[in-house]
PDB file of all heavy atoms in Angstrom:
ATOM      1  N   GLN A   1     195.016  64.772 -69.393  1.00  0.00           N
ATOM      2  CA  GLN A   1     196.365  64.474 -68.981  1.00  0.00           C
ATOM      3  C   GLN A   1     196.613  65.004 -67.566  1.00  0.00           C
ATOM      4  O   GLN A   1     197.095  64.327 -66.699  1.00  0.00           O
ATOM      5  CB  GLN A   1     197.391  64.990 -69.946  1.00  0.00           C
ATOM      6  CG  GLN A   1     197.502  64.285 -71.207  1.00  0.00           C
ATOM      7  CD  GLN A   1     198.532  64.986 -72.086  1.00  0.00           C
ATOM      8  OE1 GLN A   1     198.162  65.854 -72.881  1.00  0.00           O
ATOM      9  NE2 GLN A   1     199.795  64.580 -72.007  1.00  0.00           N
ATOM     10  N   GLN A   2     196.259  66.338 -67.347  1.00  0.00           N
ATOM     11  CA  GLN A   2     196.546  66.958 -66.132  1.00  0.00           C
ATOM     12  C   GLN A   2     195.725  66.308 -64.930  1.00  0.00           C
ATOM     13  O   GLN A   2     196.141  66.149 -63.852  1.00  0.00           O
ATOM     14  CB  GLN A   2     196.238  68.445 -66.286  1.00  0.00           C
ATOM     15  CG  GLN A   2     197.285  69.171 -67.082  1.00  0.00           C
ATOM     16  CD  GLN A   2     196.823  70.614 -67.396  1.00  0.00           C
ATOM     17  OE1 GLN A   2     195.747  70.962 -67.834  1.00  0.00           O
ATOM     18  NE2 GLN A   2     197.702  71.548 -67.077  1.00  0.00           N
ATOM     19  N   LYS A   3     194.475  66.103 -65.276  1.00  0.00           N
ATOM     20  CA  LYS A   3     193.539  65.498 -64.314  1.00  0.00           C
ATOM     21  C   LYS A   3     194.021  64.091 -63.851  1.00  0.00           C
ATOM     22  O   LYS A   3     194.151  63.769 -62.681  1.00  0.00           O
ATOM     23  CB  LYS A   3     192.268  65.380 -64.902  1.00  0.00           C
ATOM     24  CG  LYS A   3     191.055  64.713 -63.883  1.00  0.00           C
ATOM     25  CD  LYS A   3     189.751  64.622 -64.614  1.00  0.00           C
ATOM     26  CE  LYS A   3     189.815  63.588 -65.733  1.00  0.00           C
ATOM     27  NZ  LYS A   3     188.507  63.308 -66.257  1.00  0.00           N
ATOM     28  N   VAL A   4     194.323  63.321 -64.758  1.00  0.00           N
ATOM     29  CA  VAL A   4     194.774  61.906 -64.646  1.00  0.00           C
ATOM     30  C   VAL A   4     196.092  61.834 -63.974  1.00  0.00           C
ATOM     31  O   VAL A   4     196.475  61.001 -63.077  1.00  0.00           O
ATOM     32  CB  VAL A   4     194.720  61.059 -65.776  1.00  0.00           C
ATOM     33  CG1 VAL A   4     195.301  59.632 -65.705  1.00  0.00           C
ATOM     34  CG2 VAL A   4     193.285  60.834 -66.327  1.00  0.00           C
ATOM     35  N   ALA A   5     196.975  62.663 -64.297  1.00  0.00           N
ATOM     36  CA  ALA A   5     198.323  62.862 -63.700  1.00  0.00           C
ATOM     37  C   ALA A   5     198.247  63.034 -62.188  1.00  0.00           C
ATOM     38  O   ALA A   5     198.911  62.307 -61.324  1.00  0.00           O
ATOM     39  CB  ALA A   5     199.283  63.822 -64.305  1.00  0.00           C
ATOM     40  N   LYS A   6     197.453  63.900 -61.875  1.00  0.00           N
ATOM     41  CA  LYS A   6     197.127  64.207 -60.370  1.00  0.00           C
ATOM     42  C   LYS A   6     196.564  63.050 -59.614  1.00  0.00           C
ATOM     43  O   LYS A   6     196.863  62.659 -58.569  1.00  0.00           O
ATOM     44  CB  LYS A   6     196.242  65.463 -60.207  1.00  0.00           C
ATOM     45  CG  LYS A   6     196.983  66.805 -60.629  1.00  0.00           C
ATOM     46  CD  LYS A   6     196.073  68.023 -60.418  1.00  0.00           C
ATOM     47  CE  LYS A   6     196.778  69.229 -60.723  1.00  0.00           C
ATOM     48  NZ  LYS A   6     197.407  69.362 -62.183  1.00  0.00           N
ATOM     49  N   ARG A   7     195.636  62.343 -60.286  1.00  0.00           N
ATOM     50  CA  ARG A   7     194.995  61.168 -59.767  1.00  0.00           C
ATOM     51  C   ARG A   7     196.012  60.016 -59.557  1.00  0.00           C
ATOM     52  O   ARG A   7     195.971  59.407 -58.615  1.00  0.00           O
ATOM     53  CB  ARG A   7     193.903  60.719 -60.562  1.00  0.00           C
ATOM     54  CG  ARG A   7     192.598  61.568 -60.419  1.00  0.00           C
ATOM     55  CD  ARG A   7     191.398  61.185 -61.126  1.00  0.00           C
ATOM     56  NE  ARG A   7     190.932  59.806 -60.697  1.00  0.00           N
ATOM     57  CZ  ARG A   7     189.752  59.340 -61.165  1.00  0.00           C
ATOM     58  NH1 ARG A   7     188.980  60.014 -62.008  1.00  0.00           N
ATOM     59  NH2 ARG A   7     189.300  58.179 -60.687  1.00  0.00           N
ATOM     60  N   MET A   8     196.991  59.951 -60.489  1.00  0.00           N
ATOM     61  CA  MET A   8     198.091  59.093 -60.345  1.00  0.00           C
ATOM     62  C   MET A   8     198.931  59.255 -59.004  1.00  0.00           C
ATOM     63  O   MET A   8     199.198  58.301 -58.280  1.00  0.00           O
ATOM     64  CB  MET A   8     199.006  58.990 -61.567  1.00  0.00           C
ATOM     65  CG  MET A   8     198.450  58.440 -62.793  1.00  0.00           C
ATOM     66  SD  MET A   8     199.670  58.600 -64.202  1.00  0.00           S
ATOM     67  CE  MET A   8     198.618  58.387 -65.632  1.00  0.00           C
ATOM     68  N   ILE A   9     199.257  60.474 -58.893  1.00  0.00           N
ATOM     69  CA  ILE A   9     200.027  60.936 -57.653  1.00  0.00           C
ATOM     70  C   ILE A   9     199.189  60.670 -56.440  1.00  0.00           C
ATOM     71  O   ILE A   9     199.713  60.254 -55.414  1.00  0.00           O
ATOM     72  CB  ILE A   9     200.602  62.260 -57.922  1.00  0.00           C
ATOM     73  CG1 ILE A   9     201.742  62.413 -58.915  1.00  0.00           C
ATOM     74  CG2 ILE A   9     201.092  62.867 -56.488  1.00  0.00           C
ATOM     75  CD1 ILE A   9     202.190  63.702 -59.381  1.00  0.00           C
ATOM     76  N   ASP A  10     197.987  61.122 -56.500  1.00  0.00           N
ATOM     77  CA  ASP A  10     197.120  60.876 -55.233  1.00  0.00           C
ATOM     78  C   ASP A  10     196.991  59.294 -54.883  1.00  0.00           C
ATOM     79  O   ASP A  10     196.863  58.996 -53.775  1.00  0.00           O
ATOM     80  CB  ASP A  10     195.724  61.404 -55.572  1.00  0.00           C
ATOM     81  CG  ASP A  10     195.684  62.906 -55.625  1.00  0.00           C
ATOM     82  OD1 ASP A  10     196.583  63.536 -55.120  1.00  0.00           O
ATOM     83  OD2 ASP A  10     194.646  63.489 -56.164  1.00  0.00           O
ATOM     84  N   ALA A  11     197.188  58.544 -55.874  1.00  0.00           N
ATOM     85  CA  ALA A  11     197.047  57.053 -55.778  1.00  0.00           C
ATOM     86  C   ALA A  11     198.387  56.423 -55.281  1.00  0.00           C
ATOM     87  O   ALA A  11     198.449  55.288 -54.818  1.00  0.00           O
ATOM     88  CB  ALA A  11     196.639  56.305 -56.982  1.00  0.00           C
ATOM     89  N   GLY A  12     199.561  57.244 -55.345  1.00  0.00           N
ATOM     90  CA  GLY A  12     200.684  56.783 -54.790  1.00  0.00           C
ATOM     91  C   GLY A  12     201.845  56.917 -55.732  1.00  0.00           C
ATOM     92  O   GLY A  12     203.089  56.500 -55.392  1.00  0.00           O
ATOM     93  N   ALA A  13     201.740  57.362 -56.955  1.00  0.00           N
ATOM     94  CA  ALA A  13     202.792  57.461 -57.927  1.00  0.00           C
ATOM     95  C   ALA A  13     203.855  58.512 -57.387  1.00  0.00           C
ATOM     96  O   ALA A  13     203.501  59.573 -56.856  1.00  0.00           O
ATOM     97  CB  ALA A  13     202.363  57.756 -59.300  1.00  0.00           C
ATOM     98  N   ASP A  14     205.103  58.238 -57.572  1.00  0.00           N
ATOM     99  CA  ASP A  14     206.154  59.159 -57.152  1.00  0.00           C
ATOM    100  C   ASP A  14     206.784  60.108 -58.339  1.00  0.00           C
ATOM    101  O   ASP A  14     207.358  61.047 -57.957  1.00  0.00           O
ATOM    102  CB  ASP A  14     207.305  58.371 -56.488  1.00  0.00           C
ATOM    103  CG  ASP A  14     206.739  57.659 -55.161  1.00  0.00           C
ATOM    104  OD1 ASP A  14     206.697  58.364 -54.214  1.00  0.00           O
ATOM    105  OD2 ASP A  14     206.572  56.408 -55.384  1.00  0.00           O
ATOM    106  N   LEU A  15     206.697  59.529 -59.523  1.00  0.00           N
ATOM    107  CA  LEU A  15     207.221  60.336 -60.688  1.00  0.00           C
ATOM    108  C   LEU A  15     206.408  59.962 -61.972  1.00  0.00           C
ATOM    109  O   LEU A  15     206.100  58.708 -62.113  1.00  0.00           O
ATOM    110  CB  LEU A  15     208.642  59.953 -60.777  1.00  0.00           C
ATOM    111  CG  LEU A  15     209.422  60.326 -62.118  1.00  0.00           C
ATOM    112  CD1 LEU A  15     209.453  62.009 -62.096  1.00  0.00           C
ATOM    113  CD2 LEU A  15     210.776  59.838 -62.165  1.00  0.00           C
ATOM    114  N   ILE A  16     206.055  60.815 -62.839  1.00  0.00           N
ATOM    115  CA  ILE A  16     205.263  60.528 -63.996  1.00  0.00           C
ATOM    116  C   ILE A  16     206.116  61.072 -65.217  1.00  0.00           C
ATOM    117  O   ILE A  16     206.475  62.209 -65.159  1.00  0.00           O
ATOM    118  CB  ILE A  16     203.872  61.121 -64.077  1.00  0.00           C
ATOM    119  CG1 ILE A  16     203.123  60.644 -62.863  1.00  0.00           C
ATOM    120  CG2 ILE A  16     203.273  61.042 -65.325  1.00  0.00           C
ATOM    121  CD1 ILE A  16     201.863  61.385 -62.622  1.00  0.00           C
ATOM    122  N   ILE A  17     206.369  60.079 -66.142  1.00  0.00           N
ATOM    123  CA  ILE A  17     207.113  60.387 -67.371  1.00  0.00           C
ATOM    124  C   ILE A  17     206.355  60.167 -68.498  1.00  0.00           C
ATOM    125  O   ILE A  17     205.998  58.937 -68.993  1.00  0.00           O
ATOM    126  CB  ILE A  17     208.402  59.474 -67.287  1.00  0.00           C
ATOM    127  CG1 ILE A  17     209.286  59.790 -66.033  1.00  0.00           C
ATOM    128  CG2 ILE A  17     209.290  59.777 -68.560  1.00  0.00           C
ATOM    129  CD1 ILE A  17     210.260  58.686 -65.828  1.00  0.00           C
ATOM    130  N   GLY A  18     205.813  61.171 -69.190  1.00  0.00           N
ATOM    131  CA  GLY A  18     204.900  61.049 -70.304  1.00  0.00           C
ATOM    132  C   GLY A  18     205.706  61.049 -71.663  1.00  0.00           C
ATOM    133  O   GLY A  18     206.766  61.587 -71.743  1.00  0.00           O
ATOM    134  N   THR A  19     205.013  60.392 -72.695  1.00  0.00           N
ATOM    135  CA  THR A  19     205.653  60.259 -73.983  1.00  0.00           C
ATOM    136  C   THR A  19     204.464  60.433 -74.978  1.00  0.00           C
ATOM    137  O   THR A  19     203.314  60.385 -74.678  1.00  0.00           O
ATOM    138  CB  THR A  19     206.327  59.015 -74.305  1.00  0.00           C
ATOM    139  OG1 THR A  19     205.473  57.898 -73.974  1.00  0.00           O
ATOM    140  CG2 THR A  19     207.612  58.756 -73.295  1.00  0.00           C
ATOM    141  N   HIS A  20     204.869  60.562 -76.261  1.00  0.00           N
ATOM    142  CA  HIS A  20     203.975  60.511 -77.490  1.00  0.00           C
ATOM    143  C   HIS A  20     203.815  61.809 -78.310  1.00  0.00           C
ATOM    144  O   HIS A  20     203.875  61.671 -79.522  1.00  0.00           O
ATOM    145  CB  HIS A  20     202.553  60.085 -77.181  1.00  0.00           C
ATOM    146  CG  HIS A  20     201.668  60.170 -78.382  1.00  0.00           C
ATOM    147  ND1 HIS A  20     201.963  59.403 -79.561  1.00  0.00           N
ATOM    148  CD2 HIS A  20     200.627  61.022 -78.776  1.00  0.00           C
ATOM    149  CE1 HIS A  20     200.992  59.603 -80.562  1.00  0.00           C
ATOM    150  NE2 HIS A  20     200.240  60.717 -80.105  1.00  0.00           N
ATOM    151  N   PRO A  21     203.755  63.045 -77.722  1.00  0.00           N
ATOM    152  CA  PRO A  21     203.399  64.060 -78.633  1.00  0.00           C
ATOM    153  C   PRO A  21     204.579  64.521 -79.589  1.00  0.00           C
ATOM    154  O   PRO A  21     204.279  65.326 -80.436  1.00  0.00           O
ATOM    155  CB  PRO A  21     203.148  65.275 -77.577  1.00  0.00           C
ATOM    156  CG  PRO A  21     202.570  64.505 -76.295  1.00  0.00           C
ATOM    157  CD  PRO A  21     203.401  63.281 -76.298  1.00  0.00           C
ATOM    158  N   HIS A  22     205.644  63.978 -79.475  1.00  0.00           N
ATOM    159  CA  HIS A  22     206.814  64.186 -80.284  1.00  0.00           C
ATOM    160  C   HIS A  22     207.426  65.570 -80.252  1.00  0.00           C
ATOM    161  O   HIS A  22     208.202  66.070 -81.150  1.00  0.00           O
ATOM    162  CB  HIS A  22     206.506  63.907 -81.800  1.00  0.00           C
ATOM    163  CG  HIS A  22     206.156  62.511 -82.080  1.00  0.00           C
ATOM    164  ND1 HIS A  22     206.970  61.413 -81.925  1.00  0.00           N
ATOM    165  CD2 HIS A  22     204.849  61.909 -82.458  1.00  0.00           C
ATOM    166  CE1 HIS A  22     206.293  60.296 -82.068  1.00  0.00           C
ATOM    167  NE2 HIS A  22     205.134  60.549 -82.495  1.00  0.00           N
ATOM    168  N   VAL A  23     206.908  66.385 -79.288  1.00  0.00           N
ATOM    169  CA  VAL A  23     207.615  67.651 -78.777  1.00  0.00           C
ATOM    170  C   VAL A  23     207.613  67.645 -77.354  1.00  0.00           C
ATOM    171  O   VAL A  23     206.782  66.801 -76.670  1.00  0.00           O
ATOM    172  CB  VAL A  23     206.789  68.824 -79.303  1.00  0.00           C
ATOM    173  CG1 VAL A  23     206.726  68.932 -80.823  1.00  0.00           C
ATOM    174  CG2 VAL A  23     205.297  68.818 -78.830  1.00  0.00           C
ATOM    175  N   VAL A  24     208.429  68.428 -76.719  1.00  0.00           N
ATOM    176  CA  VAL A  24     208.406  68.454 -75.286  1.00  0.00           C
ATOM    177  C   VAL A  24     207.259  69.217 -74.721  1.00  0.00           C
ATOM    178  O   VAL A  24     206.865  70.239 -75.233  1.00  0.00           O
ATOM    179  CB  VAL A  24     209.724  69.188 -74.778  1.00  0.00           C
ATOM    180  CG1 VAL A  24     209.777  69.184 -73.306  1.00  0.00           C
ATOM    181  CG2 VAL A  24     210.947  68.400 -75.385  1.00  0.00           C
ATOM    182  N   GLN A  25     206.633  68.726 -73.702  1.00  0.00           N
ATOM    183  CA  GLN A  25     205.446  69.292 -73.104  1.00  0.00           C
ATOM    184  C   GLN A  25     205.819  69.986 -71.713  1.00  0.00           C
ATOM    185  O   GLN A  25     206.979  69.765 -71.297  1.00  0.00           O
ATOM    186  CB  GLN A  25     204.245  68.406 -73.014  1.00  0.00           C
ATOM    187  CG  GLN A  25     203.591  68.290 -74.326  1.00  0.00           C
ATOM    188  CD  GLN A  25     202.259  67.514 -74.279  1.00  0.00           C
ATOM    189  OE1 GLN A  25     201.912  66.842 -73.252  1.00  0.00           O
ATOM    190  NE2 GLN A  25     201.411  67.708 -75.204  1.00  0.00           N
ATOM    191  N   ALA A  26     204.868  70.433 -71.044  1.00  0.00           N
ATOM    192  CA  ALA A  26     205.151  71.009 -69.630  1.00  0.00           C
ATOM    193  C   ALA A  26     205.573  70.091 -68.660  1.00  0.00           C
ATOM    194  O   ALA A  26     205.308  68.854 -68.765  1.00  0.00           O
ATOM    195  CB  ALA A  26     203.787  71.650 -69.248  1.00  0.00           C
ATOM    196  N   SER A  27     206.092  70.632 -67.669  1.00  0.00           N
ATOM    197  CA  SER A  27     206.413  69.932 -66.308  1.00  0.00           C
ATOM    198  C   SER A  27     205.456  70.416 -65.298  1.00  0.00           C
ATOM    199  O   SER A  27     205.010  71.664 -65.390  1.00  0.00           O
ATOM    200  CB  SER A  27     207.798  70.033 -65.856  1.00  0.00           C
ATOM    201  OG  SER A  27     208.691  69.480 -66.833  1.00  0.00           O
ATOM    202  N   GLU A  28     205.203  69.699 -64.212  1.00  0.00           N
ATOM    203  CA  GLU A  28     204.358  70.089 -63.138  1.00  0.00           C
ATOM    204  C   GLU A  28     204.865  69.632 -61.844  1.00  0.00           C
ATOM    205  O   GLU A  28     205.273  68.483 -61.790  1.00  0.00           O
ATOM    206  CB  GLU A  28     202.949  69.729 -63.395  1.00  0.00           C
ATOM    207  CG  GLU A  28     201.926  70.348 -62.407  1.00  0.00           C
ATOM    208  CD  GLU A  28     200.516  70.190 -62.811  1.00  0.00           C
ATOM    209  OE1 GLU A  28     200.297  69.678 -63.734  1.00  0.00           O
ATOM    210  OE2 GLU A  28     199.581  70.619 -62.010  1.00  0.00           O
ATOM    211  N   TYR A  29     204.826  70.461 -60.822  1.00  0.00           N
ATOM    212  CA  TYR A  29     205.115  70.034 -59.527  1.00  0.00           C
ATOM    213  C   TYR A  29     203.833  69.952 -58.655  1.00  0.00           C
ATOM    214  O   TYR A  29     203.219  70.910 -58.551  1.00  0.00           O
ATOM    215  CB  TYR A  29     206.157  70.871 -58.852  1.00  0.00           C
ATOM    216  CG  TYR A  29     206.674  70.389 -57.508  1.00  0.00           C
ATOM    217  CD1 TYR A  29     207.412  69.320 -57.382  1.00  0.00           C
ATOM    218  CD2 TYR A  29     206.395  71.245 -56.384  1.00  0.00           C
ATOM    219  CE1 TYR A  29     207.981  68.997 -56.073  1.00  0.00           C
ATOM    220  CE2 TYR A  29     206.815  70.704 -55.076  1.00  0.00           C
ATOM    221  CZ  TYR A  29     207.576  69.730 -55.075  1.00  0.00           C
ATOM    222  OH  TYR A  29     208.128  69.266 -53.756  1.00  0.00           O
ATOM    223  N   TYR A  30     203.496  68.742 -58.182  1.00  0.00           N
ATOM    224  CA  TYR A  30     202.247  68.599 -57.434  1.00  0.00           C
ATOM    225  C   TYR A  30     202.442  67.630 -56.347  1.00  0.00           C
ATOM    226  O   TYR A  30     202.917  66.556 -56.296  1.00  0.00           O
ATOM    227  CB  TYR A  30     201.164  67.986 -58.520  1.00  0.00           C
ATOM    228  CG  TYR A  30     199.839  67.545 -57.881  1.00  0.00           C
ATOM    229  CD1 TYR A  30     199.048  68.516 -57.567  1.00  0.00           C
ATOM    230  CD2 TYR A  30     199.525  66.124 -57.675  1.00  0.00           C
ATOM    231  CE1 TYR A  30     197.684  68.046 -56.928  1.00  0.00           C
ATOM    232  CE2 TYR A  30     198.386  65.708 -57.143  1.00  0.00           C
ATOM    233  CZ  TYR A  30     197.443  66.737 -56.759  1.00  0.00           C
ATOM    234  OH  TYR A  30     196.305  66.340 -56.312  1.00  0.00           O
ATOM    235  N   LYS A  31     202.041  68.190 -55.079  1.00  0.00           N
ATOM    236  CA  LYS A  31     202.062  67.528 -53.806  1.00  0.00           C
ATOM    237  C   LYS A  31     203.522  67.013 -53.645  1.00  0.00           C
ATOM    238  O   LYS A  31     203.573  65.684 -53.192  1.00  0.00           O
ATOM    239  CB  LYS A  31     200.956  66.456 -53.805  1.00  0.00           C
ATOM    240  CG  LYS A  31     199.611  66.975 -53.638  1.00  0.00           C
ATOM    241  CD  LYS A  31     198.505  65.958 -53.375  1.00  0.00           C
ATOM    242  CE  LYS A  31     197.191  66.627 -53.154  1.00  0.00           C
ATOM    243  NZ  LYS A  31     196.102  65.484 -52.987  1.00  0.00           N
ATOM    244  N   GLY A  32     204.474  67.531 -53.990  1.00  0.00           N
ATOM    245  CA  GLY A  32     205.950  67.083 -53.709  1.00  0.00           C
ATOM    246  C   GLY A  32     206.391  66.189 -54.796  1.00  0.00           C
ATOM    247  O   GLY A  32     207.501  65.564 -54.658  1.00  0.00           O
ATOM    248  N   LYS A  33     205.620  65.914 -55.922  1.00  0.00           N
ATOM    249  CA  LYS A  33     206.015  64.928 -56.955  1.00  0.00           C
ATOM    250  C   LYS A  33     206.176  65.694 -58.199  1.00  0.00           C
ATOM    251  O   LYS A  33     205.451  66.686 -58.537  1.00  0.00           O
ATOM    252  CB  LYS A  33     204.914  63.874 -57.059  1.00  0.00           C
ATOM    253  CG  LYS A  33     204.624  63.161 -55.680  1.00  0.00           C
ATOM    254  CD  LYS A  33     205.781  62.527 -55.026  1.00  0.00           C
ATOM    255  CE  LYS A  33     205.402  61.786 -53.838  1.00  0.00           C
ATOM    256  NZ  LYS A  33     206.383  61.023 -53.113  1.00  0.00           N
ATOM    257  N   TYR A  34     207.035  65.040 -59.058  1.00  0.00           N
ATOM    258  CA  TYR A  34     207.379  65.665 -60.405  1.00  0.00           C
ATOM    259  C   TYR A  34     206.598  65.007 -61.557  1.00  0.00           C
ATOM    260  O   TYR A  34     206.491  63.762 -61.522  1.00  0.00           O
ATOM    261  CB  TYR A  34     208.924  65.561 -60.560  1.00  0.00           C
ATOM    262  CG  TYR A  34     209.315  66.469 -61.716  1.00  0.00           C
ATOM    263  CD1 TYR A  34     209.833  67.723 -61.447  1.00  0.00           C
ATOM    264  CD2 TYR A  34     209.428  65.901 -63.031  1.00  0.00           C
ATOM    265  CE1 TYR A  34     210.383  68.470 -62.578  1.00  0.00           C
ATOM    266  CE2 TYR A  34     209.829  66.659 -64.049  1.00  0.00           C
ATOM    267  CZ  TYR A  34     210.303  67.895 -63.808  1.00  0.00           C
ATOM    268  OH  TYR A  34     210.774  68.796 -64.822  1.00  0.00           O
ATOM    269  N   ILE A  35     206.123  65.732 -62.406  1.00  0.00           N
ATOM    270  CA  ILE A  35     205.475  65.335 -63.672  1.00  0.00           C
ATOM    271  C   ILE A  35     206.038  65.907 -64.800  1.00  0.00           C
ATOM    272  O   ILE A  35     206.264  67.047 -64.861  1.00  0.00           O
ATOM    273  CB  ILE A  35     203.867  65.670 -63.497  1.00  0.00           C
ATOM    274  CG1 ILE A  35     203.258  65.254 -62.335  1.00  0.00           C
ATOM    275  CG2 ILE A  35     203.187  65.189 -64.852  1.00  0.00           C
ATOM    276  CD1 ILE A  35     201.746  65.832 -62.153  1.00  0.00           C
TER     277      ILE A  35
END
């Protein structure tokens, strides 16, 4: 998840909103973008 999230932002994504685990997971700030 962490590796692909960073690749998404490197490709041009501005915000990543994950779902599925049924609990709240971490947030991350990477290259000025929020995950």
